[in-house]
N, C-alpha and C. Protein backbone atom coordinates (compact mmCIF):
# COMPACT_ATOMS: atom_id res chain seq x y z
N MET A 1 72.42 81.79 -18.68
CA MET A 1 71.67 81.21 -19.90
C MET A 1 72.22 79.94 -19.75
N ASP A 2 71.09 79.11 -19.87
CA ASP A 2 71.32 77.60 -19.68
C ASP A 2 70.96 77.13 -20.93
N GLN A 3 72.15 76.62 -21.69
CA GLN A 3 71.81 76.05 -23.08
C GLN A 3 71.46 74.80 -23.20
N ARG A 4 70.66 73.89 -23.49
CA ARG A 4 70.31 72.53 -23.99
C ARG A 4 71.69 72.42 -24.93
N THR A 5 72.23 70.93 -24.51
CA THR A 5 72.90 70.08 -25.26
C THR A 5 72.41 69.00 -25.61
N PRO A 6 72.77 68.25 -26.69
CA PRO A 6 72.26 66.96 -27.05
C PRO A 6 72.67 65.92 -25.69
N ILE A 7 73.57 66.01 -25.08
CA ILE A 7 74.11 65.22 -24.13
C ILE A 7 73.10 65.24 -22.83
N ALA A 8 73.11 66.44 -22.51
CA ALA A 8 71.95 66.87 -21.59
C ALA A 8 70.57 66.26 -22.03
N ASP A 9 70.35 66.39 -23.03
CA ASP A 9 69.08 66.09 -23.41
C ASP A 9 68.93 64.67 -23.56
N ALA A 10 69.94 63.82 -23.39
CA ALA A 10 70.05 62.35 -23.57
C ALA A 10 70.02 61.86 -21.74
N CYS A 11 70.76 62.92 -21.19
CA CYS A 11 70.97 62.38 -19.86
C CYS A 11 69.25 62.74 -18.78
N ALA A 12 68.64 64.08 -19.66
CA ALA A 12 67.34 64.36 -19.16
C ALA A 12 66.10 62.97 -19.47
N ASN A 13 66.49 62.58 -21.01
CA ASN A 13 65.62 61.16 -21.50
C ASN A 13 66.09 60.05 -20.44
N LEU A 14 66.70 59.96 -19.89
CA LEU A 14 66.83 58.37 -19.50
C LEU A 14 67.11 59.02 -17.73
N GLY A 15 66.79 59.70 -17.38
CA GLY A 15 66.58 60.04 -15.80
C GLY A 15 68.16 60.31 -15.36
N GLY A 16 68.75 60.93 -15.79
CA GLY A 16 70.29 61.49 -15.07
C GLY A 16 71.45 60.68 -15.69
N ALA A 17 72.80 61.67 -15.20
CA ALA A 17 74.10 61.49 -15.63
C ALA A 17 74.18 59.68 -15.26
N THR A 18 74.00 59.66 -14.14
CA THR A 18 74.41 57.78 -13.82
C THR A 18 73.52 57.18 -14.55
N ALA A 19 72.35 57.32 -15.03
CA ALA A 19 71.45 56.63 -16.28
C ALA A 19 72.14 56.48 -17.20
N LEU A 20 72.24 57.39 -17.68
CA LEU A 20 73.05 57.60 -19.14
C LEU A 20 74.57 56.54 -19.02
N ALA A 21 74.94 56.84 -18.04
CA ALA A 21 76.46 56.20 -17.96
C ALA A 21 76.44 54.47 -17.71
N ARG A 22 75.08 54.56 -16.76
CA ARG A 22 74.96 52.79 -16.69
C ARG A 22 74.59 52.28 -18.16
N ALA A 23 73.73 53.34 -18.82
CA ALA A 23 73.08 52.57 -20.21
C ALA A 23 74.32 52.58 -21.19
N VAL A 24 75.30 53.22 -21.16
CA VAL A 24 76.37 53.16 -21.98
C VAL A 24 77.81 52.63 -21.79
N MET A 25 77.77 52.15 -20.45
CA MET A 25 78.63 51.42 -19.74
C MET A 25 80.25 52.31 -19.36
N VAL A 26 80.05 53.56 -19.38
CA VAL A 26 80.82 54.41 -18.77
C VAL A 26 80.60 54.80 -17.32
N SER A 27 81.77 55.36 -16.89
CA SER A 27 81.74 55.82 -15.54
C SER A 27 80.85 57.13 -15.27
N PRO A 28 79.83 57.65 -14.20
CA PRO A 28 79.42 58.88 -14.04
C PRO A 28 80.26 59.90 -14.23
N PRO A 29 81.41 59.67 -13.82
CA PRO A 29 82.49 61.12 -13.96
C PRO A 29 82.36 61.65 -15.44
N MET A 30 82.88 60.44 -16.42
CA MET A 30 83.10 60.62 -17.69
C MET A 30 81.80 61.58 -18.46
N VAL A 31 80.51 60.67 -18.06
CA VAL A 31 79.49 61.56 -18.46
C VAL A 31 79.47 62.87 -18.11
N THR A 32 79.67 63.25 -16.98
CA THR A 32 80.18 64.57 -16.48
C THR A 32 80.93 65.15 -17.01
N GLN A 33 82.20 64.70 -17.83
CA GLN A 33 82.96 65.42 -18.36
C GLN A 33 82.45 65.97 -19.92
N TRP A 34 81.24 65.08 -20.51
CA TRP A 34 80.86 65.51 -21.56
C TRP A 34 79.74 66.26 -21.46
N LEU A 35 79.11 66.39 -20.44
CA LEU A 35 78.08 67.71 -19.97
C LEU A 35 78.68 68.76 -19.63
N ARG A 36 79.90 68.79 -19.12
CA ARG A 36 80.62 69.95 -18.97
C ARG A 36 81.51 70.57 -20.22
N GLY A 37 81.43 69.86 -21.12
CA GLY A 37 82.34 70.00 -22.26
C GLY A 37 83.78 70.07 -22.44
N MET A 38 84.38 69.25 -21.08
CA MET A 38 85.49 68.83 -20.84
C MET A 38 86.03 67.55 -21.93
N ARG A 39 85.12 66.87 -22.52
CA ARG A 39 85.79 66.01 -23.37
C ARG A 39 84.57 65.91 -24.40
N ARG A 40 84.76 65.79 -25.57
CA ARG A 40 83.44 65.11 -26.43
C ARG A 40 83.14 63.78 -26.40
N VAL A 41 81.81 63.78 -26.83
CA VAL A 41 81.09 62.26 -26.78
C VAL A 41 82.05 61.69 -27.49
N PRO A 42 82.64 60.49 -27.46
CA PRO A 42 83.34 59.54 -28.63
C PRO A 42 82.17 59.01 -29.71
N ALA A 43 82.81 59.53 -30.77
CA ALA A 43 81.89 58.73 -31.89
C ALA A 43 81.19 57.45 -31.56
N GLU A 44 82.13 56.59 -31.13
CA GLU A 44 81.83 55.18 -31.04
C GLU A 44 80.90 54.82 -30.14
N ARG A 45 80.33 55.95 -29.09
CA ARG A 45 79.57 56.13 -28.03
C ARG A 45 78.09 56.71 -28.54
N CYS A 46 77.90 56.95 -29.60
CA CYS A 46 76.99 57.93 -30.14
C CYS A 46 75.85 57.02 -30.40
N PRO A 47 76.30 55.65 -31.32
CA PRO A 47 75.12 54.98 -31.72
C PRO A 47 74.55 54.00 -30.34
N GLN A 48 75.51 53.91 -29.06
CA GLN A 48 74.87 53.50 -28.12
C GLN A 48 73.74 54.55 -27.34
N ILE A 49 74.10 55.80 -27.18
CA ILE A 49 73.30 56.70 -26.59
C ILE A 49 72.04 57.07 -27.52
N GLU A 50 71.92 57.13 -29.01
CA GLU A 50 70.77 57.13 -29.73
C GLU A 50 70.21 55.72 -29.21
N ARG A 51 70.74 54.82 -29.20
CA ARG A 51 69.81 53.66 -29.03
C ARG A 51 69.19 53.59 -27.58
N ALA A 52 69.90 53.85 -26.50
CA ALA A 52 69.20 54.02 -25.27
C ALA A 52 68.47 55.48 -24.92
N THR A 53 68.25 56.53 -25.97
CA THR A 53 67.25 56.88 -25.98
C THR A 53 66.30 56.84 -26.88
N THR A 54 65.92 55.62 -27.46
CA THR A 54 65.09 55.15 -28.35
C THR A 54 64.93 56.19 -29.68
N GLY A 55 66.31 56.94 -29.91
CA GLY A 55 66.29 57.69 -31.41
C GLY A 55 66.03 58.98 -30.56
N ALA A 56 65.69 59.80 -29.58
CA ALA A 56 65.39 60.80 -29.41
C ALA A 56 66.61 61.74 -29.45
N VAL A 57 67.79 60.96 -29.06
CA VAL A 57 68.98 62.19 -29.14
C VAL A 57 69.70 61.36 -30.21
N THR A 58 69.96 61.84 -31.51
CA THR A 58 70.77 61.01 -32.67
C THR A 58 72.19 61.55 -32.56
N CYS A 59 72.64 60.51 -32.99
CA CYS A 59 74.28 60.49 -33.57
C CYS A 59 74.82 62.06 -34.10
N GLU A 60 73.87 62.23 -35.08
CA GLU A 60 73.96 63.72 -35.83
C GLU A 60 74.03 64.74 -34.70
N ALA A 61 73.28 64.65 -33.93
CA ALA A 61 73.36 65.95 -32.87
C ALA A 61 74.27 65.75 -32.00
N LEU A 62 74.69 64.51 -31.50
CA LEU A 62 75.51 64.60 -30.45
C LEU A 62 76.96 64.92 -31.03
N ARG A 63 77.33 64.33 -32.41
CA ARG A 63 78.61 64.66 -33.10
C ARG A 63 78.40 65.05 -34.43
N PRO A 64 78.05 66.38 -34.89
CA PRO A 64 77.79 66.89 -35.95
C PRO A 64 79.08 67.02 -36.75
N ASP A 65 80.24 66.70 -36.31
CA ASP A 65 81.45 66.79 -36.82
C ASP A 65 81.88 65.42 -37.76
N VAL A 66 80.98 64.28 -37.71
CA VAL A 66 81.50 63.14 -38.09
C VAL A 66 80.60 62.95 -39.20
N ALA A 67 81.18 62.30 -40.12
CA ALA A 67 80.28 62.07 -41.15
C ALA A 67 79.22 60.67 -40.86
N TRP A 68 78.26 61.02 -40.85
CA TRP A 68 77.30 59.83 -40.39
C TRP A 68 76.67 59.41 -41.74
N THR A 69 76.38 57.84 -41.66
CA THR A 69 75.32 57.47 -42.82
C THR A 69 74.46 56.30 -42.16
N ARG A 70 73.30 56.32 -42.79
CA ARG A 70 72.20 55.54 -42.20
C ARG A 70 72.08 54.59 -42.96
N VAL A 71 72.13 53.23 -42.55
CA VAL A 71 71.49 52.08 -43.39
C VAL A 71 70.07 51.10 -42.62
N PRO A 72 69.41 50.92 -43.51
CA PRO A 72 68.30 50.51 -43.23
C PRO A 72 68.23 49.25 -41.96
N ASP A 73 67.55 49.62 -40.76
CA ASP A 73 67.40 48.46 -39.85
C ASP A 73 66.29 48.52 -39.08
N PRO A 74 65.31 47.74 -39.67
CA PRO A 74 64.21 47.94 -38.75
C PRO A 74 64.03 47.58 -37.31
N ASP A 75 65.14 47.18 -36.51
CA ASP A 75 65.31 46.93 -35.31
C ASP A 75 65.58 48.34 -34.27
N TRP A 76 66.17 49.42 -35.48
CA TRP A 76 66.82 50.41 -34.73
C TRP A 76 65.58 51.49 -34.78
N PRO A 77 66.01 52.12 -33.67
CA PRO A 77 64.50 53.30 -32.79
C PRO A 77 64.56 54.48 -33.94
N HIS A 78 65.69 54.81 -34.92
CA HIS A 78 65.22 56.19 -35.84
C HIS A 78 64.98 55.42 -36.91
N ALA A 79 64.17 55.97 -37.49
CA ALA A 79 63.38 55.85 -38.69
C ALA A 79 63.98 55.66 -40.12
N ALA A 80 65.56 56.31 -40.23
CA ALA A 80 66.37 56.02 -41.18
C ALA A 80 67.03 55.06 -41.17
N GLY A 81 67.12 54.23 -39.89
CA GLY A 81 68.03 53.33 -39.91
C GLY A 81 69.21 53.46 -38.53
N ARG A 82 70.40 52.36 -38.84
CA ARG A 82 71.55 52.31 -38.05
C ARG A 82 72.22 53.30 -38.51
N PRO A 83 73.03 54.21 -37.34
CA PRO A 83 74.19 55.14 -38.00
C PRO A 83 75.30 54.45 -37.99
N LEU A 84 76.36 54.77 -39.11
CA LEU A 84 77.34 54.28 -39.05
C LEU A 84 78.48 55.87 -39.66
N ILE A 85 79.46 55.30 -39.58
CA ILE A 85 80.87 56.34 -39.73
C ILE A 85 80.93 56.32 -41.07
N ASP A 86 80.89 57.34 -41.91
CA ASP A 86 81.32 57.09 -43.63
C ASP A 86 82.35 57.68 -43.38
N VAL A 87 83.65 56.86 -43.41
CA VAL A 87 84.72 56.78 -43.90
C VAL A 87 85.33 57.77 -44.97
N ALA A 88 84.47 57.22 -45.96
CA ALA A 88 84.81 57.75 -47.26
C ALA A 88 84.45 59.27 -47.38
N ARG A 89 83.40 59.53 -46.96
CA ARG A 89 83.06 60.94 -47.39
C ARG A 89 84.01 62.00 -46.85
N PRO A 90 84.71 62.12 -45.84
CA PRO A 90 85.73 63.25 -45.93
C PRO A 90 86.72 63.07 -46.98
N LEU A 91 87.25 62.05 -47.35
CA LEU A 91 88.08 61.48 -48.50
C LEU A 91 87.53 62.12 -49.83
N VAL A 92 86.14 61.90 -50.04
CA VAL A 92 85.75 62.29 -51.26
C VAL A 92 85.56 63.72 -51.12
N ALA A 93 85.05 64.76 -50.18
CA ALA A 93 84.86 66.23 -50.06
C ALA A 93 86.64 66.58 -50.41
N ALA A 94 87.74 65.87 -49.50
CA ALA A 94 88.96 66.26 -50.04
C ALA A 94 89.42 66.66 -51.63
N GLN A 95 89.21 65.29 -51.87
CA GLN A 95 89.02 65.19 -53.29
C GLN A 95 88.82 66.37 -54.34
N GLU A 96 87.24 66.56 -54.31
CA GLU A 96 86.66 67.39 -54.67
C GLU A 96 87.18 68.80 -54.61
N ALA A 97 87.94 69.06 -53.31
CA ALA A 97 88.54 70.39 -53.23
C ALA A 97 89.69 70.81 -53.92
N VAL A 98 90.29 69.74 -54.43
CA VAL A 98 91.62 70.00 -55.11
C VAL A 98 91.36 70.57 -56.85
């Protein structure tokens, strides 16, 4: 059973793991570790991947565990804007649980 992942989609979009590595300035073995699930894609790399894939692979798809928010940016390939990590959202959720 071949299960597609967002990082595999990013590699396919750019023409392979080496092309993705070059686009986000990491080593090809690092991308291989992401593909094999040995390491998660670092949150700080997600916007680079989203931009490299012209929005085809989003930060939210790559790291659904991160609280992303979008700010308007007409130069960003995603219609909702540039992704940012919302550091306040987890704190708000934790306070609401109390």
